[in-house]
Amino acid sequence: MANLIDLTPNTRKHRHPEKQSRPDTPLLRKPDWIRVKAPTSKGYAETREIVKSNGLVTVCEEAGCPNIGECWDKKHATMMILGEICTRACSFCNVSTGKPLTPGKVDEDEPRRVADAVAEMGLQHVVITSVDRDDLVDGGAMHFVNTIEAIRRTSPGTTIEILTPDFLRKDGWENRVIDARPDVFNHNLETVPRLYLSIRPGARYFHSLRLLQKVKDRDPQQFTKSGLMVGLGETKEEVMQVMDDMRSAGVDFLTIGQYLQPTRKHAAIDRYVSPEEFKAYEEIARAKGFLMVSASPLTRSSHHAGEDFARLRAARDAQLAAATA
């Protein structure tokens, strides 16, 4: 039986109890390029039923992703393992956090259920992410390993992308995840170093950067990926510096998307970045040597992940062919 956490109104009044004493932040009116239609398709309903029947959690729902209708219509769902309560309290994130509820025990049957759902959906490419689990000795590393192995047993042809926490102060447990050899190892830097204290206070910019570097040092053939949100008050020059830092760490694939404010208790949007500015960021990033770049207002780490993985692999093949020509 799954160790499901009861999130009914009687037991949890707020998804973010640690934020309730904060003053409300202003809300900016969304421009036309941000607006999306409510999900109503048959494919969306079918994906929702598969997720529900397997007792799974998805970051698509928990983080309030604007692309859920499009992705679930194609049966592309990003599984979120290790429960639905995060031990961090990042000011940008809509995933449930902190006290009075604790994350609870790790559900040892979850990897099997994730693998069953992947097989039922017939996924060619799957993205697995998780909450932060600072309460666990390994930060959840072995649960990632077990999930990767379970998917490979039931769907050996499926490529696997993981979006991991930072494994801060976990004494090398991240090496076990790297050695499980996912096809893509993604860890998002999220924002520029100057904003970490207010946006990602539980994380450390250079630790996250070193995690990505470690993946490449340990397994040079493993694709690495990282993402940034813009619209939080960063400057163009700061974004370009993060691009340089990522390339120094060997990151292959960069995603850049617009920060969308979940509630008035979360970090305020500084501005909506125009589609033209995203296009300029994409051109700059490609010039800096990334194999793949996805930059648009609605870009998210897992959006079009399968199609992007095919392009990523093709880009590397073309690069290798050019080098040996």
Protein backbone atom coordinates (compact mmCIF):
# COMPACT_ATOMS: atom_id res chain seq x y z
CA MET A 1 0.00 0.00 0.00
CA ALA A 2 1.39 3.41 -0.95
CA ASN A 3 2.37 5.79 1.83
CA LEU A 4 0.08 8.53 0.59
CA ILE A 5 -0.11 11.82 2.47
CA ASP A 6 -3.54 13.23 3.23
CA LEU A 7 -3.70 16.78 1.93
CA THR A 8 -7.37 17.42 2.66
CA PRO A 9 -8.32 20.91 3.89
CA ASN A 10 -8.76 19.62 7.45
CA THR A 11 -5.15 18.47 7.72
CA ARG A 12 -3.40 21.07 5.57
CA LYS A 13 -4.81 24.56 5.24
CA HIS A 14 -1.90 25.91 3.24
CA ARG A 15 0.53 24.39 0.77
CA HIS A 16 3.17 26.82 2.03
CA PRO A 17 2.69 27.40 5.76
CA GLU A 18 6.07 29.08 6.12
CA LYS A 19 4.97 31.84 3.73
CA GLN A 20 1.65 32.75 5.32
CA SER A 21 3.05 35.51 7.53
CA ARG A 22 4.67 37.26 4.59
CA PRO A 23 3.04 40.35 3.12
CA ASP A 24 1.27 39.89 -0.19
CA THR A 25 3.38 40.61 -3.26
CA PRO A 26 1.90 42.44 -6.25
CA LEU A 27 0.56 40.53 -9.23
CA LEU A 28 1.32 41.73 -12.76
CA ARG A 29 -1.26 41.27 -15.50
CA LYS A 30 -0.23 38.49 -17.86
CA PRO A 31 0.53 39.48 -21.44
CA ASP A 32 -1.17 37.65 -24.31
CA TRP A 33 1.87 35.47 -25.01
CA ILE A 34 1.60 33.85 -21.56
CA ARG A 35 -2.04 32.83 -21.68
CA VAL A 36 -2.94 29.14 -22.20
CA LYS A 37 -6.24 27.29 -22.51
CA ALA A 38 -7.62 25.11 -19.72
CA PRO A 39 -6.95 21.39 -20.34
CA THR A 40 -10.05 19.55 -21.61
CA SER A 41 -8.84 16.96 -24.13
CA LYS A 42 -9.45 13.21 -24.04
CA GLY A 43 -5.70 12.58 -23.91
CA TYR A 44 -5.39 14.82 -20.87
CA ALA A 45 -8.17 12.91 -19.08
CA GLU A 46 -6.57 9.56 -19.93
CA THR A 47 -3.17 10.64 -18.62
CA ARG A 48 -4.76 11.97 -15.44
CA GLU A 49 -6.45 8.62 -14.87
CA ILE A 50 -3.20 6.66 -15.40
CA VAL A 51 -1.39 8.90 -12.91
CA LYS A 52 -4.24 8.66 -10.39
CA SER A 53 -4.73 4.90 -10.72
CA ASN A 54 -1.03 4.28 -10.03
CA GLY A 55 -1.07 6.54 -6.96
CA LEU A 56 1.59 8.83 -8.43
CA VAL A 57 2.47 12.51 -8.05
CA THR A 58 3.46 14.71 -10.98
CA VAL A 59 5.33 17.98 -10.95
CA CYS A 60 2.97 19.05 -13.73
CA GLU A 61 0.16 19.32 -11.18
CA GLU A 62 2.14 20.19 -8.07
CA ALA A 63 4.04 23.07 -9.66
CA GLY A 64 1.04 24.33 -11.62
CA CYS A 65 2.78 23.99 -14.99
CA PRO A 66 1.09 26.05 -17.73
CA ASN A 67 1.86 23.36 -20.32
CA ILE A 68 0.00 20.53 -18.58
CA GLY A 69 -2.83 20.46 -21.12
CA GLU A 70 -0.49 20.19 -24.09
CA CYS A 71 1.83 17.62 -22.53
CA TRP A 72 -0.79 15.37 -20.96
CA ASP A 73 -2.76 15.31 -24.20
CA LYS A 74 0.30 13.52 -25.63
CA LYS A 75 0.65 11.37 -22.48
CA HIS A 76 3.83 13.17 -21.46
CA ALA A 77 3.79 13.48 -17.68
CA THR A 78 6.76 14.29 -15.44
CA MET A 79 6.72 11.95 -12.46
CA MET A 80 7.64 13.43 -9.08
CA ILE A 81 9.02 10.82 -6.70
CA LEU A 82 9.84 10.84 -2.97
CA GLY A 83 6.47 12.24 -1.93
CA GLU A 84 4.90 15.64 -2.40
CA ILE A 85 6.24 17.56 0.60
CA CYS A 86 9.52 19.41 0.00
CA THR A 87 12.01 20.16 2.78
CA ARG A 88 13.06 23.42 1.14
CA ALA A 89 11.06 26.63 0.95
CA CYS A 90 12.12 28.28 -2.30
CA SER A 91 10.18 31.48 -2.86
CA PHE A 92 9.38 30.67 -6.51
CA CYS A 93 8.02 27.13 -6.18
CA ASN A 94 4.43 25.92 -5.80
CA VAL A 95 5.27 22.42 -4.51
CA SER A 96 3.97 21.86 -0.97
CA THR A 97 6.54 22.62 1.71
CA GLY A 98 7.47 22.34 5.33
CA LYS A 99 5.64 22.13 8.61
CA PRO A 100 3.15 21.12 10.00
CA LEU A 101 3.45 18.04 7.76
CA THR A 102 6.73 16.20 7.27
CA PRO A 103 7.70 14.43 4.05
CA GLY A 104 7.06 11.01 5.57
CA LYS A 105 8.66 7.65 4.83
CA VAL A 106 9.95 6.81 1.40
CA ASP A 107 7.44 4.69 -0.49
CA GLU A 108 9.52 1.67 -1.52
CA ASP A 109 6.90 0.54 -4.05
CA GLU A 110 6.89 3.86 -5.90
CA PRO A 111 9.61 2.91 -8.45
CA ARG A 112 7.52 -0.07 -9.58
CA ARG A 113 4.39 2.04 -9.95
CA VAL A 114 6.27 4.70 -11.90
CA ALA A 115 7.63 2.00 -14.21
CA ASP A 116 4.15 0.55 -14.67
CA ALA A 117 2.77 3.98 -15.59
CA VAL A 118 5.60 4.57 -18.07
CA ALA A 119 4.84 1.24 -19.72
CA GLU A 120 1.09 1.90 -19.74
CA MET A 121 1.60 5.29 -21.40
CA GLY A 122 4.03 3.77 -23.90
CA LEU A 123 6.53 6.56 -23.31
CA GLN A 124 9.62 6.69 -25.50
CA HIS A 125 11.17 9.29 -23.18
CA VAL A 126 10.31 9.93 -19.54
CA VAL A 127 11.29 12.67 -17.09
CA ILE A 128 11.61 11.82 -13.39
CA THR A 129 11.98 14.58 -10.81
CA SER A 130 11.53 14.83 -7.04
CA VAL A 131 11.06 17.09 -4.09
CA ASP A 132 14.12 17.95 -2.01
CA ARG A 133 14.55 15.43 0.82
CA ASP A 134 17.14 16.96 3.13
CA ASP A 135 15.78 14.68 5.88
CA LEU A 136 17.18 11.55 4.17
CA VAL A 137 20.79 10.42 4.61
CA ASP A 138 21.20 10.01 0.84
CA GLY A 139 18.90 12.89 -0.15
CA GLY A 140 16.77 10.36 -2.05
CA ALA A 141 19.61 9.27 -4.34
CA MET A 142 18.89 5.53 -4.10
CA HIS A 143 15.20 6.11 -4.82
CA PHE A 144 16.25 7.73 -8.11
CA VAL A 145 18.49 4.73 -8.82
CA ASN A 146 15.69 2.26 -8.03
CA THR A 147 13.26 4.16 -10.25
CA ILE A 148 15.70 4.23 -13.17
CA GLU A 149 16.33 0.50 -12.81
CA ALA A 150 12.60 -0.30 -12.57
CA ILE A 151 11.85 1.63 -15.77
CA ARG A 152 14.68 -0.11 -17.60
CA ARG A 153 13.31 -3.51 -16.61
CA THR A 154 9.78 -2.83 -17.87
CA SER A 155 10.54 -0.40 -20.73
CA PRO A 156 14.10 -1.05 -21.92
CA GLY A 157 13.63 1.11 -25.00
CA THR A 158 12.55 4.20 -23.04
CA THR A 159 15.14 6.92 -22.59
CA ILE A 160 15.26 8.40 -19.10
CA GLU A 161 15.79 12.01 -18.08
CA ILE A 162 16.12 12.91 -14.41
CA LEU A 163 15.68 16.34 -12.85
CA THR A 164 17.36 16.06 -9.47
CA PRO A 165 17.72 18.07 -6.28
CA ASP A 166 21.21 19.30 -5.43
CA PHE A 167 22.17 16.58 -2.89
CA LEU A 168 23.65 19.31 -0.73
CA ARG A 169 25.69 17.88 2.17
CA LYS A 170 24.94 14.29 1.15
CA ASP A 171 28.54 13.05 1.07
CA GLY A 172 28.82 11.80 -2.48
CA TRP A 173 25.48 9.96 -2.75
CA GLU A 174 24.90 11.77 -6.05
CA ASN A 175 27.57 9.51 -7.55
CA ARG A 176 25.18 6.56 -7.26
CA VAL A 177 22.65 8.44 -9.38
CA ILE A 178 25.26 9.39 -11.98
CA ASP A 179 26.45 5.76 -12.12
CA ALA A 180 22.86 4.61 -12.85
CA ARG A 181 23.48 6.30 -16.20
CA PRO A 182 20.28 8.16 -16.98
CA ASP A 183 20.25 9.42 -20.55
CA VAL A 184 19.95 13.04 -19.36
CA PHE A 185 20.99 14.39 -15.96
CA ASN A 186 19.20 17.69 -15.34
CA HIS A 187 19.68 19.97 -12.37
CA ASN A 188 18.35 23.51 -12.62
CA LEU A 189 20.39 26.48 -11.44
CA GLU A 190 17.05 28.37 -11.55
CA THR A 191 18.38 31.93 -11.24
CA VAL A 192 21.50 34.09 -11.12
CA PRO A 193 23.83 33.94 -8.06
CA ARG A 194 22.82 37.39 -6.77
CA LEU A 195 19.21 36.26 -6.28
CA TYR A 196 19.87 32.94 -4.54
CA LEU A 197 19.36 34.27 -1.01
CA SER A 198 15.85 35.49 -1.77
CA ILE A 199 14.76 32.98 -4.44
CA ARG A 200 16.56 29.73 -3.59
CA PRO A 201 17.77 30.24 0.00
CA GLY A 202 18.33 26.56 0.82
CA ALA A 203 20.64 26.02 -2.15
CA ARG A 204 24.15 27.14 -3.06
CA TYR A 205 24.87 28.32 -6.59
CA PHE A 206 28.39 26.93 -6.88
CA HIS A 207 27.41 23.61 -5.31
CA SER A 208 24.72 23.20 -7.98
CA LEU A 209 27.22 24.14 -10.66
CA ARG A 210 29.73 21.61 -9.30
CA LEU A 211 27.06 18.89 -9.36
CA LEU A 212 26.64 19.39 -13.10
CA GLN A 213 30.42 19.43 -13.56
CA LYS A 214 30.71 16.19 -11.54
CA VAL A 215 28.31 14.42 -13.90
CA LYS A 216 30.54 15.27 -16.86
CA ASP A 217 33.74 14.40 -14.99
CA ARG A 218 32.35 11.01 -13.96
CA ASP A 219 30.56 10.13 -17.21
CA PRO A 220 31.49 12.39 -20.14
CA GLN A 221 28.93 10.70 -22.42
CA GLN A 222 25.99 11.52 -20.16
CA PHE A 223 24.00 14.50 -21.39
CA THR A 224 23.64 17.32 -18.86
CA LYS A 225 20.92 19.93 -18.77
CA SER A 226 20.07 22.96 -16.65
CA GLY A 227 17.46 25.68 -16.61
CA LEU A 228 16.91 29.31 -15.69
CA MET A 229 13.84 31.39 -14.89
CA VAL A 230 13.83 35.01 -15.99
CA GLY A 231 11.65 37.89 -14.87
CA LEU A 232 12.87 37.86 -11.27
CA GLY A 233 15.04 40.98 -11.50
CA GLU A 234 18.13 39.50 -13.12
CA THR A 235 20.09 41.45 -15.75
CA LYS A 236 21.02 40.29 -19.22
CA GLU A 237 24.68 40.38 -18.23
CA GLU A 238 24.01 38.11 -15.25
CA VAL A 239 22.17 35.61 -17.43
CA MET A 240 25.07 35.59 -19.88
CA GLN A 241 27.50 34.94 -17.01
CA VAL A 242 25.43 31.96 -15.88
CA MET A 243 25.56 30.66 -19.46
CA ASP A 244 29.35 30.89 -19.33
CA ASP A 245 29.42 29.11 -15.97
CA MET A 246 27.24 26.32 -17.37
CA ARG A 247 29.44 25.89 -20.41
CA SER A 248 32.53 25.75 -18.16
CA ALA A 249 30.78 22.88 -16.34
CA GLY A 250 30.11 21.14 -19.65
CA VAL A 251 26.32 21.59 -19.68
CA ASP A 252 24.88 20.44 -23.02
CA PHE A 253 21.31 21.72 -22.90
CA LEU A 254 19.99 25.03 -21.56
CA THR A 255 16.34 25.91 -20.95
CA ILE A 256 15.14 29.45 -20.20
CA GLY A 257 11.55 30.26 -19.30
CA GLN A 258 9.44 33.00 -17.76
CA TYR A 259 8.94 32.89 -13.98
CA LEU A 260 5.23 32.73 -13.17
CA GLN A 261 4.19 33.69 -9.66
CA PRO A 262 2.13 30.88 -8.00
CA THR A 263 0.51 33.02 -5.29
CA ARG A 264 0.79 36.47 -3.72
CA LYS A 265 2.92 34.92 -0.99
CA HIS A 266 5.61 33.93 -3.48
CA ALA A 267 8.35 36.05 -5.01
CA ALA A 268 6.95 38.83 -7.17
CA ILE A 269 7.44 38.92 -10.93
CA ASP A 270 9.78 41.76 -11.76
CA ARG A 271 8.67 41.84 -15.40
CA TYR A 272 7.44 39.71 -18.28
CA VAL A 273 10.29 39.07 -20.68
CA SER A 274 9.22 39.48 -24.30
CA PRO A 275 9.40 36.66 -26.90
CA GLU A 276 11.98 38.75 -28.77
CA GLU A 277 14.25 38.81 -25.73
CA PHE A 278 13.93 35.04 -25.36
CA LYS A 279 14.95 34.68 -29.00
CA ALA A 280 18.02 36.83 -28.34
CA TYR A 281 18.93 34.67 -25.31
CA GLU A 282 18.63 31.56 -27.49
CA GLU A 283 20.96 32.99 -30.12
CA ILE A 284 23.52 34.03 -27.48
CA ALA A 285 23.42 30.59 -25.85
CA ARG A 286 23.89 28.78 -29.15
CA ALA A 287 26.86 31.01 -29.90
CA LYS A 288 28.37 30.02 -26.54
CA GLY A 289 28.35 26.37 -27.60
CA PHE A 290 25.31 24.67 -26.06
CA LEU A 291 24.22 21.65 -28.10
CA MET A 292 20.56 22.47 -27.43
CA VAL A 293 18.75 25.60 -26.28
CA SER A 294 15.07 26.06 -25.54
CA ALA A 295 14.12 29.63 -24.64
CA SER A 296 10.58 30.97 -24.68
CA PRO A 297 8.04 32.38 -22.21
CA LEU A 298 6.44 28.96 -21.61
CA THR A 299 9.61 26.87 -21.74
CA ARG A 300 9.90 24.51 -18.78
CA SER A 301 12.51 21.85 -18.03
CA SER A 302 10.34 18.97 -19.19
CA HIS A 303 8.41 20.69 -21.98
CA HIS A 304 8.92 18.78 -25.27
CA ALA A 305 11.59 16.75 -23.47
CA GLY A 306 11.28 13.75 -25.76
CA GLU A 307 11.53 15.72 -28.99
CA ASP A 308 14.35 17.80 -27.55
CA PHE A 309 16.27 14.68 -26.51
CA ALA A 310 16.18 13.42 -30.11
CA ARG A 311 17.51 16.78 -31.30
CA LEU A 312 20.15 16.77 -28.57
CA ARG A 313 21.44 13.36 -29.61
CA ALA A 314 21.42 14.38 -33.28
CA ALA A 315 23.37 17.55 -32.45
CA ARG A 316 26.06 15.55 -30.66
CA ASP A 317 26.28 13.09 -33.56
CA ALA A 318 26.69 15.98 -36.00
CA GLN A 319 29.35 17.55 -33.77
CA LEU A 320 31.31 14.28 -33.58
CA ALA A 321 31.02 13.76 -37.33
CA ALA A 322 32.34 17.26 -38.00
CA ALA A 323 35.26 16.68 -35.62
CA THR A 324 36.33 13.50 -37.42
CA ALA A 325 35.76 14.74 -40.97
